[in-house]
Amino acid sequence: MTIQSVDYNGRFIVRDQYGYTYTNIDRYNLAVMYGSSQGLYVGQQVTALDSGKRVTIVAIQLNGNFVVRDVYGYTYTNVSRYNLSNY
């Protein structure tokens, strides 16, 4: 997703990798794809404690939770730091 613009209400207009455009997206529904939070960083491989799976952090949500992707390409959102171990 890339941000195309911000409308007069402060909502975002975004475009996905296929060229589809989405409007009226608020900041809460966007996650940054770089940086670090709570000792973990985007791109880091960690273990999801609830499943034992190795996952990669792909983004950080506004609420401090993480977006992760497993080796099969499944993406999970709103994952708490307490559910991730960097070992």
C-alpha atoms as a PDB file:
ATOM      1  CA  MET A   1       0.000   0.000   0.000  1.00  0.00           C
ATOM      2  CA  THR A   2       1.111   3.502  -0.713  1.00  0.00           C
ATOM      3  CA  ILE A   3      -0.535   6.664   0.507  1.00  0.00           C
ATOM      4  CA  GLN A   4      -1.749   8.730  -2.421  1.00  0.00           C
ATOM      5  CA  SER A   5      -3.161  11.705  -0.509  1.00  0.00           C
ATOM      6  CA  VAL A   6      -5.019  12.913   2.552  1.00  0.00           C
ATOM      7  CA  ASP A   7      -8.577  14.204   2.155  1.00  0.00           C
ATOM      8  CA  TYR A   8     -10.097  17.244   3.835  1.00  0.00           C
ATOM      9  CA  ASN A   9     -11.280  15.111   6.798  1.00  0.00           C
ATOM     10  CA  GLY A  10      -7.755  13.862   7.524  1.00  0.00           C
ATOM     11  CA  ARG A  11      -8.512  10.437   6.057  1.00  0.00           C
ATOM     12  CA  PHE A  12      -6.108   8.706   3.689  1.00  0.00           C
ATOM     13  CA  ILE A  13      -6.461   7.618   0.086  1.00  0.00           C
ATOM     14  CA  VAL A  14      -4.253   4.575  -0.556  1.00  0.00           C
ATOM     15  CA  ARG A  15      -3.369   2.373  -3.522  1.00  0.00           C
ATOM     16  CA  ASP A  16      -2.480  -1.309  -3.293  1.00  0.00           C
ATOM     17  CA  GLN A  17       0.109  -3.222  -5.316  1.00  0.00           C
ATOM     18  CA  TYR A  18      -2.525  -4.130  -7.919  1.00  0.00           C
ATOM     19  CA  GLY A  19      -3.518  -0.520  -8.602  1.00  0.00           C
ATOM     20  CA  TYR A  20      -6.791  -0.537  -6.653  1.00  0.00           C
ATOM     21  CA  THR A  21      -7.523   2.673  -4.769  1.00  0.00           C
ATOM     22  CA  TYR A  22      -9.213   2.848  -1.357  1.00  0.00           C
ATOM     23  CA  THR A  23     -10.588   5.998   0.251  1.00  0.00           C
ATOM     24  CA  ASN A  24     -11.703   7.113   3.709  1.00  0.00           C
ATOM     25  CA  ILE A  25      -8.949   5.162   5.519  1.00  0.00           C
ATOM     26  CA  ASP A  26      -8.180   6.462   9.012  1.00  0.00           C
ATOM     27  CA  ARG A  27      -4.724   6.411  10.611  1.00  0.00           C
ATOM     28  CA  TYR A  28      -5.714   3.631  12.996  1.00  0.00           C
ATOM     29  CA  ASN A  29      -6.028   1.250  10.040  1.00  0.00           C
ATOM     30  CA  LEU A  30      -2.515   1.906   8.725  1.00  0.00           C
ATOM     31  CA  ALA A  31       0.712   0.354   9.993  1.00  0.00           C
ATOM     32  CA  VAL A  32       4.263   1.564   9.401  1.00  0.00           C
ATOM     33  CA  MET A  33       6.571  -0.821   7.573  1.00  0.00           C
ATOM     34  CA  TYR A  34       9.852   0.343   9.058  1.00  0.00           C
ATOM     35  CA  GLY A  35      11.264   1.099  12.482  1.00  0.00           C
ATOM     36  CA  SER A  36      11.103  -0.580  15.855  1.00  0.00           C
ATOM     37  CA  SER A  37       8.889  -0.795  18.902  1.00  0.00           C
ATOM     38  CA  GLN A  38       9.212  -2.455  22.300  1.00  0.00           C
ATOM     39  CA  GLY A  39      12.579  -3.989  21.464  1.00  0.00           C
ATOM     40  CA  LEU A  40      11.461  -5.548  18.168  1.00  0.00           C
ATOM     41  CA  TYR A  41      11.942  -4.201  14.652  1.00  0.00           C
ATOM     42  CA  VAL A  42      10.320  -4.590  11.258  1.00  0.00           C
ATOM     43  CA  GLY A  43      11.974  -7.430   9.354  1.00  0.00           C
ATOM     44  CA  GLN A  44      12.957  -9.332  12.492  1.00  0.00           C
ATOM     45  CA  GLN A  45      12.120 -13.020  12.780  1.00  0.00           C
ATOM     46  CA  VAL A  46      10.492 -13.919  16.082  1.00  0.00           C
ATOM     47  CA  THR A  47       8.489 -16.764  17.602  1.00  0.00           C
ATOM     48  CA  ALA A  48       4.742 -16.432  18.140  1.00  0.00           C
ATOM     49  CA  LEU A  49       4.312 -17.907  21.605  1.00  0.00           C
ATOM     50  CA  ASP A  50       0.687 -18.974  21.132  1.00  0.00           C
ATOM     51  CA  SER A  51       1.484 -21.175  18.117  1.00  0.00           C
ATOM     52  CA  GLY A  52       5.224 -21.774  18.306  1.00  0.00           C
ATOM     53  CA  LYS A  53       5.554 -20.553  14.687  1.00  0.00           C
ATOM     54  CA  ARG A  54       8.461 -18.508  13.416  1.00  0.00           C
ATOM     55  CA  VAL A  55       7.077 -15.301  11.958  1.00  0.00           C
ATOM     56  CA  THR A  56       8.498 -12.108  10.511  1.00  0.00           C
ATOM     57  CA  ILE A  57       7.400  -8.690  11.734  1.00  0.00           C
ATOM     58  CA  VAL A  58       6.166  -6.777   8.683  1.00  0.00           C
ATOM     59  CA  ALA A  59       4.687  -3.658  10.292  1.00  0.00           C
ATOM     60  CA  ILE A  60       3.940  -1.827  13.532  1.00  0.00           C
ATOM     61  CA  GLN A  61       0.389  -0.694  14.244  1.00  0.00           C
ATOM     62  CA  LEU A  62      -0.565   2.641  15.795  1.00  0.00           C
ATOM     63  CA  ASN A  63      -1.676   0.884  19.001  1.00  0.00           C
ATOM     64  CA  GLY A  64       1.821  -0.636  19.422  1.00  0.00           C
ATOM     65  CA  ASN A  65       0.845  -4.119  18.302  1.00  0.00           C
ATOM     66  CA  PHE A  66       2.475  -5.868  15.363  1.00  0.00           C
ATOM     67  CA  VAL A  67       1.602  -7.230  11.938  1.00  0.00           C
ATOM     68  CA  VAL A  68       3.418 -10.526  11.344  1.00  0.00           C
ATOM     69  CA  ARG A  69       3.675 -13.003   8.456  1.00  0.00           C
ATOM     70  CA  ASP A  70       4.427 -16.708   8.727  1.00  0.00           C
ATOM     71  CA  VAL A  71       6.500 -18.812   6.312  1.00  0.00           C
ATOM     72  CA  TYR A  72       3.361 -19.761   4.361  1.00  0.00           C
ATOM     73  CA  GLY A  73       2.490 -16.124   3.657  1.00  0.00           C
ATOM     74  CA  TYR A  74      -0.385 -15.832   6.133  1.00  0.00           C
ATOM     75  CA  THR A  75      -0.548 -12.389   7.734  1.00  0.00           C
ATOM     76  CA  TYR A  76      -1.765 -11.753  11.279  1.00  0.00           C
ATOM     77  CA  THR A  77      -2.612  -8.336  12.697  1.00  0.00           C
ATOM     78  CA  ASN A  78      -2.952  -6.889  16.187  1.00  0.00           C
ATOM     79  CA  VAL A  79      -0.352  -9.265  17.640  1.00  0.00           C
ATOM     80  CA  SER A  80       0.730  -8.197  21.124  1.00  0.00           C
ATOM     81  CA  ARG A  81       4.389  -7.868  22.121  1.00  0.00           C
ATOM     82  CA  TYR A  82       3.670 -10.333  24.933  1.00  0.00           C
ATOM     83  CA  ASN A  83       2.932 -12.995  22.314  1.00  0.00           C
ATOM     84  CA  LEU A  84       6.281 -12.550  20.539  1.00  0.00           C
ATOM     85  CA  SER A  85       9.691 -13.794  21.601  1.00  0.00           C
ATOM     86  CA  ASN A  86      12.917 -12.890  19.863  1.00  0.00           C
ATOM     87  CA  TYR A  87      14.424 -16.288  20.737  1.00  0.00           C
END
